[in-house]
N, C-alpha and C. Protein backbone atom coordinates (compact mmCIF):
# COMPACT_ATOMS: atom_id res chain seq x y z
N UNK A 1 18.08 49.84 33.78
CA UNK A 1 17.42 48.64 34.30
C UNK A 1 17.84 47.40 33.51
N UNK A 2 17.91 47.57 32.17
CA UNK A 2 18.32 46.44 31.33
C UNK A 2 19.74 46.01 31.68
N UNK A 3 20.62 47.01 31.94
CA UNK A 3 22.00 46.68 32.31
C UNK A 3 22.04 45.91 33.62
N UNK A 4 21.18 46.30 34.56
CA UNK A 4 21.13 45.62 35.85
C UNK A 4 20.72 44.17 35.68
N UNK A 5 19.69 43.95 34.85
CA UNK A 5 19.25 42.57 34.60
C UNK A 5 20.34 41.78 33.90
N UNK A 6 21.06 42.43 32.97
CA UNK A 6 22.15 41.76 32.27
C UNK A 6 23.27 41.36 33.22
N UNK A 7 23.60 42.26 34.14
CA UNK A 7 24.65 41.98 35.12
C UNK A 7 24.24 40.83 36.03
N UNK A 8 22.95 40.82 36.44
CA UNK A 8 22.47 39.74 37.29
C UNK A 8 22.53 38.41 36.56
N UNK A 9 22.19 38.43 35.26
CA UNK A 9 22.25 37.21 34.48
C UNK A 9 23.67 36.71 34.33
N UNK A 10 24.62 37.63 34.14
CA UNK A 10 26.03 37.25 34.03
C UNK A 10 26.53 36.66 35.34
N UNK A 11 26.16 37.28 36.45
CA UNK A 11 26.57 36.77 37.77
C UNK A 11 26.00 35.37 38.00
N UNK A 12 24.76 35.17 37.60
CA UNK A 12 24.14 33.85 37.78
C UNK A 12 24.85 32.81 36.93
N UNK A 13 25.27 33.18 35.72
CA UNK A 13 25.99 32.26 34.84
C UNK A 13 27.34 31.88 35.44
N UNK A 14 28.04 32.86 36.01
CA UNK A 14 29.34 32.60 36.65
C UNK A 14 29.17 31.67 37.84
N UNK A 15 28.17 31.97 38.68
CA UNK A 15 27.91 31.12 39.86
C UNK A 15 27.57 29.71 39.45
N UNK A 16 26.75 29.58 38.40
CA UNK A 16 26.33 28.26 37.94
C UNK A 16 27.53 27.43 37.49
N UNK A 17 28.44 28.06 36.74
CA UNK A 17 29.61 27.34 36.23
C UNK A 17 30.52 26.91 37.38
N UNK A 18 30.79 27.83 38.29
CA UNK A 18 31.67 27.52 39.43
C UNK A 18 31.06 26.43 40.30
N UNK A 19 29.74 26.50 40.52
CA UNK A 19 29.07 25.47 41.32
C UNK A 19 29.16 24.11 40.64
N UNK A 20 29.05 24.08 39.32
CA UNK A 20 29.18 22.81 38.60
C UNK A 20 30.58 22.22 38.80
N UNK A 21 31.60 23.06 38.64
CA UNK A 21 32.99 22.59 38.77
C UNK A 21 33.23 21.99 40.15
N UNK A 22 32.91 22.76 41.18
CA UNK A 22 33.22 22.30 42.54
C UNK A 22 32.25 21.21 42.99
N UNK A 23 31.06 21.20 42.42
CA UNK A 23 30.12 20.12 42.73
C UNK A 23 30.62 18.79 42.18
N UNK A 24 31.09 18.79 40.92
CA UNK A 24 31.61 17.57 40.33
C UNK A 24 32.89 17.11 41.04
N UNK A 25 33.76 18.08 41.39
CA UNK A 25 34.99 17.71 42.09
C UNK A 25 34.68 17.06 43.43
N UNK A 26 33.75 17.66 44.18
CA UNK A 26 33.38 17.12 45.49
C UNK A 26 32.75 15.75 45.36
N UNK A 27 31.90 15.58 44.36
CA UNK A 27 31.26 14.28 44.14
C UNK A 27 32.29 13.21 43.82
N UNK A 28 33.27 13.55 42.97
CA UNK A 28 34.30 12.58 42.60
C UNK A 28 35.16 12.21 43.80
N UNK A 29 35.51 13.21 44.63
CA UNK A 29 36.30 12.92 45.83
C UNK A 29 35.52 12.03 46.79
N UNK A 30 34.21 12.28 46.91
CA UNK A 30 33.38 11.45 47.78
C UNK A 30 33.33 10.01 47.29
N UNK A 31 33.19 9.83 45.97
CA UNK A 31 33.17 8.48 45.39
C UNK A 31 34.49 7.78 45.66
N UNK A 32 35.60 8.47 45.42
CA UNK A 32 36.92 7.88 45.65
C UNK A 32 37.10 7.49 47.12
N UNK A 33 36.72 8.39 48.02
CA UNK A 33 36.86 8.11 49.44
C UNK A 33 36.01 6.93 49.89
N UNK A 34 34.78 6.87 49.40
CA UNK A 34 33.88 5.76 49.76
C UNK A 34 34.43 4.43 49.26
N UNK A 35 34.91 4.40 48.02
CA UNK A 35 35.44 3.16 47.45
C UNK A 35 36.72 2.74 48.19
N UNK A 36 37.60 3.70 48.48
CA UNK A 36 38.84 3.40 49.20
C UNK A 36 38.54 2.83 50.58
N UNK A 37 37.56 3.40 51.26
CA UNK A 37 37.19 2.91 52.59
C UNK A 37 36.59 1.51 52.50
N UNK A 38 35.80 1.26 51.44
CA UNK A 38 35.21 -0.06 51.24
C UNK A 38 36.30 -1.11 51.02
N UNK A 39 37.33 -0.75 50.27
CA UNK A 39 38.45 -1.66 50.04
C UNK A 39 39.17 -1.95 51.35
N UNK A 40 39.38 -0.90 52.16
CA UNK A 40 40.10 -1.06 53.43
C UNK A 40 39.34 -1.97 54.39
N UNK A 41 38.03 -2.05 54.24
CA UNK A 41 37.21 -2.85 55.16
C UNK A 41 36.83 -4.21 54.58
N UNK A 42 37.32 -4.51 53.38
CA UNK A 42 36.96 -5.78 52.74
C UNK A 42 38.21 -6.60 52.44
N UNK A 43 38.49 -7.61 53.25
CA UNK A 43 39.65 -8.48 52.98
C UNK A 43 39.58 -9.13 51.60
N UNK A 44 38.36 -9.41 51.14
CA UNK A 44 38.20 -10.01 49.82
C UNK A 44 38.69 -9.09 48.71
N UNK A 45 38.29 -7.83 48.76
CA UNK A 45 38.75 -6.86 47.77
C UNK A 45 40.25 -6.65 47.87
N UNK A 46 40.77 -6.64 49.08
CA UNK A 46 42.21 -6.47 49.26
C UNK A 46 42.99 -7.59 48.59
N UNK A 47 42.49 -8.82 48.74
CA UNK A 47 43.17 -9.96 48.12
C UNK A 47 43.15 -9.83 46.60
N UNK A 48 42.02 -9.41 46.06
CA UNK A 48 41.90 -9.30 44.61
C UNK A 48 42.83 -8.22 44.07
N UNK A 49 42.87 -7.06 44.75
CA UNK A 49 43.61 -5.90 44.23
C UNK A 49 45.10 -5.97 44.52
N UNK A 50 45.46 -6.33 45.76
CA UNK A 50 46.84 -6.18 46.19
C UNK A 50 47.66 -7.48 46.19
N UNK A 51 47.01 -8.61 46.07
CA UNK A 51 47.78 -9.87 46.08
C UNK A 51 48.47 -10.11 44.75
N UNK A 52 48.00 -9.47 43.70
CA UNK A 52 48.59 -9.66 42.37
C UNK A 52 49.07 -8.32 41.81
N UNK A 53 50.37 -8.19 41.55
CA UNK A 53 50.88 -6.94 40.94
C UNK A 53 50.22 -6.64 39.60
N UNK A 54 49.83 -7.70 38.89
CA UNK A 54 49.20 -7.50 37.59
C UNK A 54 47.89 -6.74 37.74
N UNK A 55 47.08 -7.12 38.73
CA UNK A 55 45.80 -6.44 38.96
C UNK A 55 46.02 -5.01 39.42
N UNK A 56 46.91 -4.83 40.40
CA UNK A 56 47.14 -3.50 40.97
C UNK A 56 47.68 -2.53 39.92
N UNK A 57 48.73 -2.93 39.22
CA UNK A 57 49.31 -2.04 38.22
C UNK A 57 48.42 -1.93 36.99
N UNK A 58 47.62 -2.97 36.75
CA UNK A 58 46.64 -2.87 35.67
C UNK A 58 45.61 -1.79 35.94
N UNK A 59 45.17 -1.68 37.22
CA UNK A 59 44.25 -0.62 37.60
C UNK A 59 44.88 0.76 37.43
N UNK A 60 46.14 0.88 37.83
CA UNK A 60 46.83 2.17 37.70
C UNK A 60 46.97 2.57 36.23
N UNK A 61 47.36 1.62 35.39
CA UNK A 61 47.47 1.90 33.96
C UNK A 61 46.11 2.26 33.38
N UNK A 62 45.07 1.54 33.83
CA UNK A 62 43.72 1.85 33.38
C UNK A 62 43.31 3.27 33.76
N UNK A 63 43.67 3.70 34.97
CA UNK A 63 43.37 5.07 35.40
C UNK A 63 44.04 6.08 34.49
N UNK A 64 45.33 5.87 34.22
CA UNK A 64 46.09 6.81 33.39
C UNK A 64 45.50 6.91 31.99
N UNK A 65 45.19 5.75 31.40
CA UNK A 65 44.63 5.74 30.05
C UNK A 65 43.26 6.42 30.03
N UNK A 66 42.46 6.18 31.08
CA UNK A 66 41.12 6.74 31.13
C UNK A 66 41.15 8.26 31.25
N UNK A 67 42.03 8.77 32.12
CA UNK A 67 42.08 10.21 32.33
C UNK A 67 42.65 10.91 31.09
N UNK A 68 43.61 10.28 30.42
CA UNK A 68 44.15 10.87 29.19
C UNK A 68 43.11 10.87 28.08
N UNK A 69 42.34 9.79 28.02
CA UNK A 69 41.28 9.70 27.00
C UNK A 69 40.21 10.75 27.24
N UNK A 70 39.83 10.94 28.51
CA UNK A 70 38.82 11.95 28.84
C UNK A 70 39.32 13.34 28.50
N UNK A 71 40.57 13.64 28.84
CA UNK A 71 41.12 14.97 28.60
C UNK A 71 41.21 15.29 27.10
N UNK A 72 41.52 14.28 26.31
CA UNK A 72 41.72 14.51 24.87
C UNK A 72 40.43 14.43 24.05
N UNK A 73 39.42 13.74 24.57
CA UNK A 73 38.21 13.50 23.77
C UNK A 73 36.96 14.17 24.32
N UNK A 74 37.06 14.91 25.39
CA UNK A 74 35.86 15.40 26.06
C UNK A 74 35.01 16.30 25.15
N UNK A 75 35.64 17.06 24.26
CA UNK A 75 34.88 17.96 23.42
C UNK A 75 34.03 17.23 22.38
N UNK A 76 34.37 15.99 22.09
CA UNK A 76 33.57 15.21 21.12
C UNK A 76 32.64 14.22 21.81
N UNK A 77 32.68 14.17 23.14
CA UNK A 77 31.84 13.25 23.89
C UNK A 77 30.52 13.91 24.26
N UNK A 78 29.51 13.09 24.55
CA UNK A 78 28.28 13.62 25.10
C UNK A 78 28.49 13.95 26.58
N UNK A 79 27.61 14.74 27.15
CA UNK A 79 27.72 15.08 28.56
C UNK A 79 27.63 13.83 29.42
N UNK A 80 26.72 12.94 29.09
CA UNK A 80 26.55 11.73 29.88
C UNK A 80 27.80 10.85 29.81
N UNK A 81 28.42 10.76 28.62
CA UNK A 81 29.63 9.95 28.47
C UNK A 81 30.79 10.55 29.26
N UNK A 82 30.93 11.88 29.21
CA UNK A 82 32.01 12.55 29.95
C UNK A 82 31.81 12.38 31.45
N UNK A 83 30.57 12.51 31.90
CA UNK A 83 30.26 12.36 33.33
C UNK A 83 30.55 10.94 33.80
N UNK A 84 30.10 9.96 33.01
CA UNK A 84 30.31 8.56 33.36
C UNK A 84 31.80 8.23 33.42
N UNK A 85 32.55 8.72 32.45
CA UNK A 85 34.00 8.47 32.42
C UNK A 85 34.68 9.05 33.64
N UNK A 86 34.28 10.26 34.03
CA UNK A 86 34.86 10.91 35.21
C UNK A 86 34.58 10.11 36.48
N UNK A 87 33.36 9.65 36.62
CA UNK A 87 33.00 8.87 37.81
C UNK A 87 33.69 7.51 37.82
N UNK A 88 33.79 6.87 36.66
CA UNK A 88 34.50 5.59 36.58
C UNK A 88 35.97 5.79 36.98
N UNK A 89 36.55 6.88 36.54
CA UNK A 89 37.94 7.18 36.93
C UNK A 89 38.04 7.34 38.44
N UNK A 90 37.09 8.04 39.04
CA UNK A 90 37.10 8.23 40.49
C UNK A 90 36.98 6.89 41.22
N UNK A 91 36.19 5.97 40.67
CA UNK A 91 36.03 4.63 41.27
C UNK A 91 37.35 3.85 41.18
N UNK A 92 37.97 3.85 40.01
CA UNK A 92 39.25 3.14 39.84
C UNK A 92 40.31 3.71 40.78
N UNK A 93 40.32 5.03 40.91
CA UNK A 93 41.27 5.67 41.81
C UNK A 93 41.02 5.24 43.26
N UNK A 94 39.75 5.11 43.61
CA UNK A 94 39.39 4.66 44.96
C UNK A 94 39.86 3.25 45.23
N UNK A 95 39.81 2.38 44.22
CA UNK A 95 40.26 1.00 44.39
C UNK A 95 41.74 0.93 44.74
N UNK A 96 42.56 1.73 44.07
CA UNK A 96 43.99 1.72 44.36
C UNK A 96 44.32 2.51 45.62
N UNK A 97 43.54 3.54 45.92
CA UNK A 97 43.82 4.35 47.11
C UNK A 97 43.35 3.67 48.39
N UNK A 98 42.70 2.51 48.27
CA UNK A 98 42.37 1.75 49.45
C UNK A 98 43.61 1.39 50.25
N UNK A 99 44.76 1.35 49.56
CA UNK A 99 46.03 1.05 50.23
C UNK A 99 46.38 2.10 51.28
N UNK A 100 45.89 3.33 51.09
CA UNK A 100 46.18 4.41 52.04
C UNK A 100 45.72 4.03 53.45
N UNK A 101 44.52 3.45 53.54
CA UNK A 101 43.96 3.09 54.85
C UNK A 101 44.65 1.86 55.45
N UNK A 102 45.34 1.10 54.60
CA UNK A 102 46.06 -0.07 55.08
C UNK A 102 47.46 0.28 55.54
N UNK A 103 48.05 1.31 54.92
CA UNK A 103 49.44 1.68 55.21
C UNK A 103 49.54 2.69 56.35
N UNK A 104 48.62 3.67 56.37
CA UNK A 104 48.70 4.75 57.35
C UNK A 104 47.60 4.62 58.40
N UNK A 105 47.86 5.16 59.57
CA UNK A 105 46.85 5.15 60.63
C UNK A 105 45.72 6.09 60.26
N UNK A 106 44.54 5.84 60.80
CA UNK A 106 43.37 6.67 60.49
C UNK A 106 43.58 8.11 60.94
N UNK A 107 44.30 8.30 62.06
CA UNK A 107 44.55 9.66 62.54
C UNK A 107 45.39 10.45 61.55
N UNK A 108 46.40 9.80 60.97
CA UNK A 108 47.26 10.47 59.99
C UNK A 108 46.48 10.76 58.70
N UNK A 109 45.66 9.82 58.27
CA UNK A 109 44.84 10.04 57.08
C UNK A 109 43.92 11.24 57.28
N UNK A 110 43.27 11.31 58.44
CA UNK A 110 42.38 12.43 58.74
C UNK A 110 43.15 13.74 58.79
N UNK A 111 44.30 13.73 59.43
CA UNK A 111 45.11 14.94 59.54
C UNK A 111 45.54 15.43 58.16
N UNK A 112 46.02 14.52 57.33
CA UNK A 112 46.45 14.89 55.98
C UNK A 112 45.29 15.43 55.17
N UNK A 113 44.10 14.82 55.33
CA UNK A 113 42.93 15.27 54.58
C UNK A 113 42.55 16.70 54.95
N UNK A 114 42.49 16.99 56.25
CA UNK A 114 42.07 18.32 56.67
C UNK A 114 43.10 19.39 56.33
N UNK A 115 44.39 19.04 56.42
CA UNK A 115 45.42 19.99 56.01
C UNK A 115 45.34 20.24 54.51
N UNK A 116 45.11 19.17 53.74
CA UNK A 116 44.95 19.32 52.29
C UNK A 116 43.76 20.21 51.97
N UNK A 117 42.64 19.98 52.65
CA UNK A 117 41.44 20.79 52.41
C UNK A 117 41.70 22.25 52.74
N UNK A 118 42.43 22.51 53.84
CA UNK A 118 42.74 23.88 54.20
C UNK A 118 43.64 24.56 53.18
N UNK A 119 44.69 23.86 52.75
CA UNK A 119 45.60 24.42 51.74
C UNK A 119 44.88 24.62 50.40
N UNK A 120 44.05 23.64 50.05
CA UNK A 120 43.29 23.73 48.80
C UNK A 120 42.36 24.94 48.83
N UNK A 121 41.65 25.12 49.94
CA UNK A 121 40.74 26.25 50.05
C UNK A 121 41.47 27.57 49.99
N UNK A 122 42.61 27.67 50.67
CA UNK A 122 43.37 28.91 50.68
C UNK A 122 43.89 29.26 49.28
N UNK A 123 44.44 28.26 48.57
CA UNK A 123 44.98 28.53 47.25
C UNK A 123 43.88 28.76 46.22
N UNK A 124 42.71 28.19 46.45
CA UNK A 124 41.57 28.49 45.58
C UNK A 124 41.20 29.96 45.68
N UNK A 125 41.17 30.49 46.90
CA UNK A 125 40.88 31.91 47.10
C UNK A 125 41.95 32.78 46.45
N UNK A 126 43.21 32.36 46.56
CA UNK A 126 44.28 33.10 45.90
C UNK A 126 44.04 33.15 44.39
N UNK A 127 43.72 32.00 43.81
CA UNK A 127 43.48 31.93 42.38
C UNK A 127 42.31 32.78 41.93
N UNK A 128 41.27 32.86 42.76
CA UNK A 128 40.08 33.61 42.38
C UNK A 128 40.23 35.11 42.58
N UNK A 129 41.00 35.52 43.57
CA UNK A 129 41.01 36.94 43.93
C UNK A 129 42.31 37.67 43.64
N UNK A 130 43.39 36.96 43.31
CA UNK A 130 44.62 37.66 43.00
C UNK A 130 44.48 38.45 41.70
N UNK A 131 45.15 39.61 41.65
CA UNK A 131 45.15 40.43 40.44
C UNK A 131 46.28 40.02 39.49
N UNK A 132 47.15 39.14 39.96
CA UNK A 132 48.29 38.69 39.17
C UNK A 132 47.86 37.62 38.17
N UNK A 133 48.30 37.77 36.94
CA UNK A 133 48.03 36.75 35.92
C UNK A 133 48.97 35.57 36.18
N UNK A 134 48.42 34.41 36.49
CA UNK A 134 49.22 33.24 36.84
C UNK A 134 49.60 32.39 35.63
N UNK A 135 49.30 32.88 34.43
CA UNK A 135 49.55 32.09 33.23
C UNK A 135 51.02 31.70 33.10
N UNK A 136 51.92 32.67 33.31
CA UNK A 136 53.35 32.37 33.15
C UNK A 136 53.82 31.40 34.24
N UNK A 137 53.23 31.52 35.43
CA UNK A 137 53.57 30.57 36.49
C UNK A 137 53.06 29.17 36.14
N UNK A 138 51.89 29.14 35.48
CA UNK A 138 51.31 27.86 35.08
C UNK A 138 52.23 27.11 34.14
N UNK A 139 52.90 27.84 33.24
CA UNK A 139 53.83 27.20 32.30
C UNK A 139 54.96 26.52 33.06
N UNK A 140 55.53 27.23 34.02
CA UNK A 140 56.64 26.67 34.79
C UNK A 140 56.17 25.53 35.69
N UNK A 141 54.96 25.65 36.20
CA UNK A 141 54.43 24.57 37.04
C UNK A 141 54.23 23.30 36.23
N UNK A 142 53.76 23.43 34.99
CA UNK A 142 53.58 22.26 34.14
C UNK A 142 54.92 21.61 33.82
N UNK A 143 55.93 22.44 33.57
CA UNK A 143 57.27 21.90 33.32
C UNK A 143 57.80 21.19 34.57
N UNK A 144 57.58 21.81 35.73
CA UNK A 144 58.02 21.21 36.99
C UNK A 144 57.29 19.90 37.24
N UNK A 145 56.02 19.84 36.85
CA UNK A 145 55.24 18.61 37.03
C UNK A 145 55.82 17.47 36.21
N UNK A 146 56.23 17.77 34.99
CA UNK A 146 56.86 16.75 34.14
C UNK A 146 58.14 16.25 34.81
N UNK A 147 58.94 17.18 35.34
CA UNK A 147 60.16 16.79 36.04
C UNK A 147 59.86 15.95 37.27
N UNK A 148 58.80 16.31 37.98
CA UNK A 148 58.37 15.56 39.16
C UNK A 148 58.03 14.12 38.79
N UNK A 149 57.28 13.94 37.70
CA UNK A 149 56.88 12.60 37.27
C UNK A 149 58.09 11.77 36.84
N UNK A 150 59.01 12.40 36.10
CA UNK A 150 60.20 11.68 35.66
C UNK A 150 61.05 11.26 36.86
N UNK A 151 61.25 12.20 37.81
CA UNK A 151 62.05 11.89 39.00
C UNK A 151 61.41 10.78 39.82
N UNK A 152 60.07 10.79 39.89
CA UNK A 152 59.37 9.73 40.63
C UNK A 152 59.60 8.37 40.00
N UNK A 153 59.52 8.31 38.67
CA UNK A 153 59.76 7.04 37.97
C UNK A 153 61.20 6.57 38.14
N UNK A 154 62.15 7.50 38.04
CA UNK A 154 63.56 7.16 38.19
C UNK A 154 63.83 6.59 39.58
N UNK A 155 63.19 7.21 40.59
CA UNK A 155 63.46 6.78 41.96
C UNK A 155 62.81 5.44 42.30
N UNK A 156 61.91 4.97 41.45
CA UNK A 156 61.39 3.62 41.65
C UNK A 156 62.49 2.59 41.50
N UNK A 157 63.51 2.93 40.70
CA UNK A 157 64.62 2.00 40.48
C UNK A 157 65.78 2.26 41.44
N UNK A 158 66.07 3.55 41.71
CA UNK A 158 67.22 3.86 42.56
C UNK A 158 66.88 3.80 44.06
N UNK A 159 65.62 4.05 44.38
CA UNK A 159 65.16 3.98 45.78
C UNK A 159 66.04 4.84 46.71
N UNK A 160 66.32 6.07 46.28
CA UNK A 160 67.11 6.98 47.09
C UNK A 160 66.22 7.70 48.09
N UNK A 161 66.53 7.59 49.37
CA UNK A 161 65.71 8.26 50.38
C UNK A 161 65.80 9.78 50.27
N UNK A 162 67.01 10.28 49.98
CA UNK A 162 67.18 11.72 49.81
C UNK A 162 66.35 12.25 48.66
N UNK A 163 66.38 11.55 47.52
CA UNK A 163 65.59 11.96 46.36
C UNK A 163 64.10 11.84 46.64
N UNK A 164 63.73 10.80 47.40
CA UNK A 164 62.33 10.59 47.79
C UNK A 164 61.78 11.83 48.50
N UNK A 165 62.53 12.35 49.48
CA UNK A 165 62.05 13.50 50.24
C UNK A 165 62.12 14.78 49.42
N UNK A 166 63.12 14.89 48.55
CA UNK A 166 63.19 16.05 47.66
C UNK A 166 61.98 16.09 46.73
N UNK A 167 61.64 14.93 46.17
CA UNK A 167 60.47 14.83 45.29
C UNK A 167 59.20 15.18 46.05
N UNK A 168 59.10 14.71 47.29
CA UNK A 168 57.91 14.95 48.10
C UNK A 168 57.70 16.44 48.36
N UNK A 169 58.74 17.12 48.83
CA UNK A 169 58.62 18.56 49.11
C UNK A 169 58.37 19.35 47.83
N UNK A 170 59.06 18.97 46.75
CA UNK A 170 58.84 19.65 45.47
C UNK A 170 57.40 19.44 44.99
N UNK A 171 56.89 18.22 45.16
CA UNK A 171 55.53 17.92 44.74
C UNK A 171 54.49 18.74 45.48
N UNK A 172 54.70 18.91 46.80
CA UNK A 172 53.76 19.73 47.58
C UNK A 172 53.73 21.15 47.04
N UNK A 173 54.88 21.71 46.73
CA UNK A 173 54.94 23.07 46.18
C UNK A 173 54.28 23.15 44.81
N UNK A 174 54.55 22.14 43.98
CA UNK A 174 54.00 22.14 42.62
C UNK A 174 52.48 22.08 42.64
N UNK A 175 51.92 21.14 43.40
CA UNK A 175 50.46 20.97 43.38
C UNK A 175 49.75 22.10 44.14
N UNK A 176 50.42 22.68 45.13
CA UNK A 176 49.84 23.85 45.79
C UNK A 176 49.72 25.00 44.79
N UNK A 177 50.77 25.20 44.00
CA UNK A 177 50.72 26.23 42.97
C UNK A 177 49.69 25.93 41.90
N UNK A 178 49.56 24.66 41.53
CA UNK A 178 48.60 24.29 40.49
C UNK A 178 47.16 24.53 40.93
N UNK A 179 46.88 24.40 42.22
CA UNK A 179 45.52 24.69 42.71
C UNK A 179 45.18 26.15 42.41
N UNK A 180 46.10 27.07 42.72
CA UNK A 180 45.86 28.49 42.45
C UNK A 180 45.73 28.75 40.96
N UNK A 181 46.62 28.17 40.17
CA UNK A 181 46.60 28.37 38.72
C UNK A 181 45.32 27.83 38.10
N UNK A 182 44.95 26.60 38.44
CA UNK A 182 43.74 26.00 37.87
C UNK A 182 42.48 26.73 38.34
N UNK A 183 42.49 27.24 39.57
CA UNK A 183 41.34 28.02 40.07
C UNK A 183 41.17 29.29 39.26
N UNK A 184 42.29 29.95 38.94
CA UNK A 184 42.19 31.16 38.12
C UNK A 184 41.69 30.84 36.72
N UNK A 185 42.12 29.71 36.17
CA UNK A 185 41.62 29.29 34.85
C UNK A 185 40.12 29.06 34.89
N UNK A 186 39.63 28.45 35.96
CA UNK A 186 38.20 28.19 36.10
C UNK A 186 37.43 29.50 36.21
N UNK A 187 37.98 30.44 36.96
CA UNK A 187 37.35 31.76 37.06
C UNK A 187 37.26 32.42 35.69
N UNK A 188 38.33 32.31 34.90
CA UNK A 188 38.32 32.91 33.56
C UNK A 188 37.28 32.25 32.67
N UNK A 189 37.15 30.92 32.76
CA UNK A 189 36.14 30.23 31.97
C UNK A 189 34.74 30.64 32.40
N UNK A 190 34.55 30.83 33.71
CA UNK A 190 33.24 31.25 34.21
C UNK A 190 32.89 32.64 33.69
N UNK A 191 33.87 33.55 33.70
CA UNK A 191 33.63 34.91 33.23
C UNK A 191 33.44 34.97 31.72
N UNK A 192 33.91 33.93 31.01
CA UNK A 192 33.74 33.89 29.56
C UNK A 192 32.30 33.60 29.17
N UNK A 193 31.48 33.22 30.16
CA UNK A 193 30.04 33.09 29.92
C UNK A 193 29.58 31.74 29.44
N UNK A 194 30.28 30.66 29.81
CA UNK A 194 29.85 29.33 29.40
C UNK A 194 28.53 28.93 30.06
N UNK A 195 28.43 29.22 31.35
CA UNK A 195 27.17 29.00 32.05
C UNK A 195 26.63 27.59 31.91
N UNK A 196 25.35 27.50 31.52
CA UNK A 196 24.67 26.20 31.45
C UNK A 196 24.66 25.62 30.04
N UNK A 197 25.51 26.12 29.14
CA UNK A 197 25.56 25.57 27.80
C UNK A 197 26.18 24.17 27.83
N UNK A 198 25.97 23.41 26.77
CA UNK A 198 26.56 22.07 26.71
C UNK A 198 28.07 22.13 26.75
N UNK A 199 28.64 23.10 26.02
CA UNK A 199 30.09 23.27 26.04
C UNK A 199 30.56 23.63 27.44
N UNK A 200 29.77 24.49 28.12
CA UNK A 200 30.12 24.89 29.47
C UNK A 200 30.12 23.72 30.43
N UNK A 201 29.18 22.80 30.28
CA UNK A 201 29.13 21.62 31.15
C UNK A 201 30.35 20.73 30.95
N UNK A 202 30.82 20.65 29.71
CA UNK A 202 32.03 19.86 29.45
C UNK A 202 33.25 20.54 30.08
N UNK A 203 33.33 21.86 29.94
CA UNK A 203 34.43 22.59 30.56
C UNK A 203 34.38 22.46 32.08
N UNK A 204 33.18 22.41 32.63
CA UNK A 204 33.03 22.25 34.08
C UNK A 204 33.57 20.90 34.53
N UNK A 205 33.28 19.84 33.78
CA UNK A 205 33.80 18.52 34.12
C UNK A 205 35.32 18.49 34.01
N UNK A 206 35.85 19.15 32.97
CA UNK A 206 37.31 19.18 32.80
C UNK A 206 37.96 19.97 33.94
N UNK A 207 37.34 21.08 34.33
CA UNK A 207 37.86 21.86 35.44
C UNK A 207 37.81 21.07 36.74
N UNK A 208 36.72 20.32 36.93
CA UNK A 208 36.59 19.49 38.12
C UNK A 208 37.66 18.41 38.15
N UNK A 209 37.97 17.84 36.99
CA UNK A 209 39.01 16.81 36.91
C UNK A 209 40.37 17.39 37.30
N UNK A 210 40.68 18.59 36.81
CA UNK A 210 41.96 19.23 37.16
C UNK A 210 42.07 19.43 38.67
N UNK A 211 41.03 19.98 39.27
CA UNK A 211 41.06 20.25 40.71
C UNK A 211 41.08 18.95 41.51
N UNK A 212 40.38 17.95 41.04
CA UNK A 212 40.37 16.64 41.69
C UNK A 212 41.79 16.07 41.72
N UNK A 213 42.48 16.12 40.59
CA UNK A 213 43.85 15.61 40.52
C UNK A 213 44.79 16.41 41.42
N UNK A 214 44.61 17.73 41.45
CA UNK A 214 45.43 18.56 42.35
C UNK A 214 45.22 18.15 43.79
N UNK A 215 43.96 17.98 44.18
CA UNK A 215 43.63 17.65 45.58
C UNK A 215 44.20 16.28 45.96
N UNK A 216 43.95 15.28 45.12
CA UNK A 216 44.37 13.91 45.44
C UNK A 216 45.89 13.82 45.54
N UNK A 217 46.60 14.42 44.60
CA UNK A 217 48.06 14.35 44.63
C UNK A 217 48.65 15.12 45.81
N UNK A 218 48.07 16.26 46.13
CA UNK A 218 48.53 17.01 47.30
C UNK A 218 48.29 16.21 48.58
N UNK A 219 47.14 15.55 48.66
CA UNK A 219 46.81 14.71 49.81
C UNK A 219 47.81 13.57 49.97
N UNK A 220 48.14 12.89 48.88
CA UNK A 220 49.07 11.76 48.94
C UNK A 220 50.47 12.22 49.33
N UNK A 221 50.88 13.38 48.87
CA UNK A 221 52.20 13.90 49.21
C UNK A 221 52.27 14.32 50.67
N UNK A 222 51.20 14.92 51.17
CA UNK A 222 51.18 15.30 52.58
C UNK A 222 51.15 14.07 53.48
N UNK A 223 50.54 13.00 53.01
CA UNK A 223 50.57 11.74 53.77
C UNK A 223 52.01 11.27 53.99
N UNK A 224 52.84 11.46 52.97
CA UNK A 224 54.25 11.07 53.11
C UNK A 224 54.91 11.87 54.24
N UNK A 225 54.55 13.14 54.34
CA UNK A 225 55.18 13.99 55.34
C UNK A 225 54.67 13.66 56.74
N UNK A 226 53.36 13.40 56.87
CA UNK A 226 52.79 13.10 58.18
C UNK A 226 53.06 11.66 58.59
N UNK A 227 53.29 10.83 57.55
CA UNK A 227 53.35 9.40 57.49
C UNK A 227 53.60 8.53 58.68
N UNK A 228 52.73 8.48 59.66
CA UNK A 228 52.83 7.45 60.70
C UNK A 228 52.18 6.19 60.16
N UNK A 229 53.00 5.21 59.85
CA UNK A 229 52.49 3.99 59.23
C UNK A 229 52.01 2.99 60.28
N UNK A 230 51.17 2.08 59.82
CA UNK A 230 50.67 1.03 60.70
C UNK A 230 51.80 0.03 61.00
């Protein structure tokens, strides 16, 4: 009987951790989507953000610095500080992603979103239920991600259409794989018994941030493929 109660408690701890991760990820995506839509419907915000390269690229640099700071300092932050930082990052991301609704038709945005959600859900299930240890794949995916970022920066100067599409297809493969890898990592953290501890809540926010970044980047790359522009 005691073992049964112990198993039930462990299952509840795992469920609690997973619910926190996906709850925070969903909340952040909702905040980003709401802010992006608000920007698309506000000519005033559009003028402030997109009329000046300094403002637009300043927001992007702010996003990068904020996410790096959160990733490196989360273990020394309070839960409220980590949560606030994550939400502020989602808001900043929404401000710059408002351009999506200005560049692409609403039908294409919706199509890309639902395809992204379907791929994300499928690879999440793979990560949770596969018997294969994805750790070694994760190493190669991280290396490929660095190459993806470097190639993207290089192509800002060369503007090669061939390289643009190669980067796009490679990016879709990389972030699809990262969804499965990060999902397996989250499962492992859940099974480690973090549950509702303070440390567990921080790990949940970090896991949510990883999945949020996977989802957003996969969505943006699929937009390129579907890309019917206005």
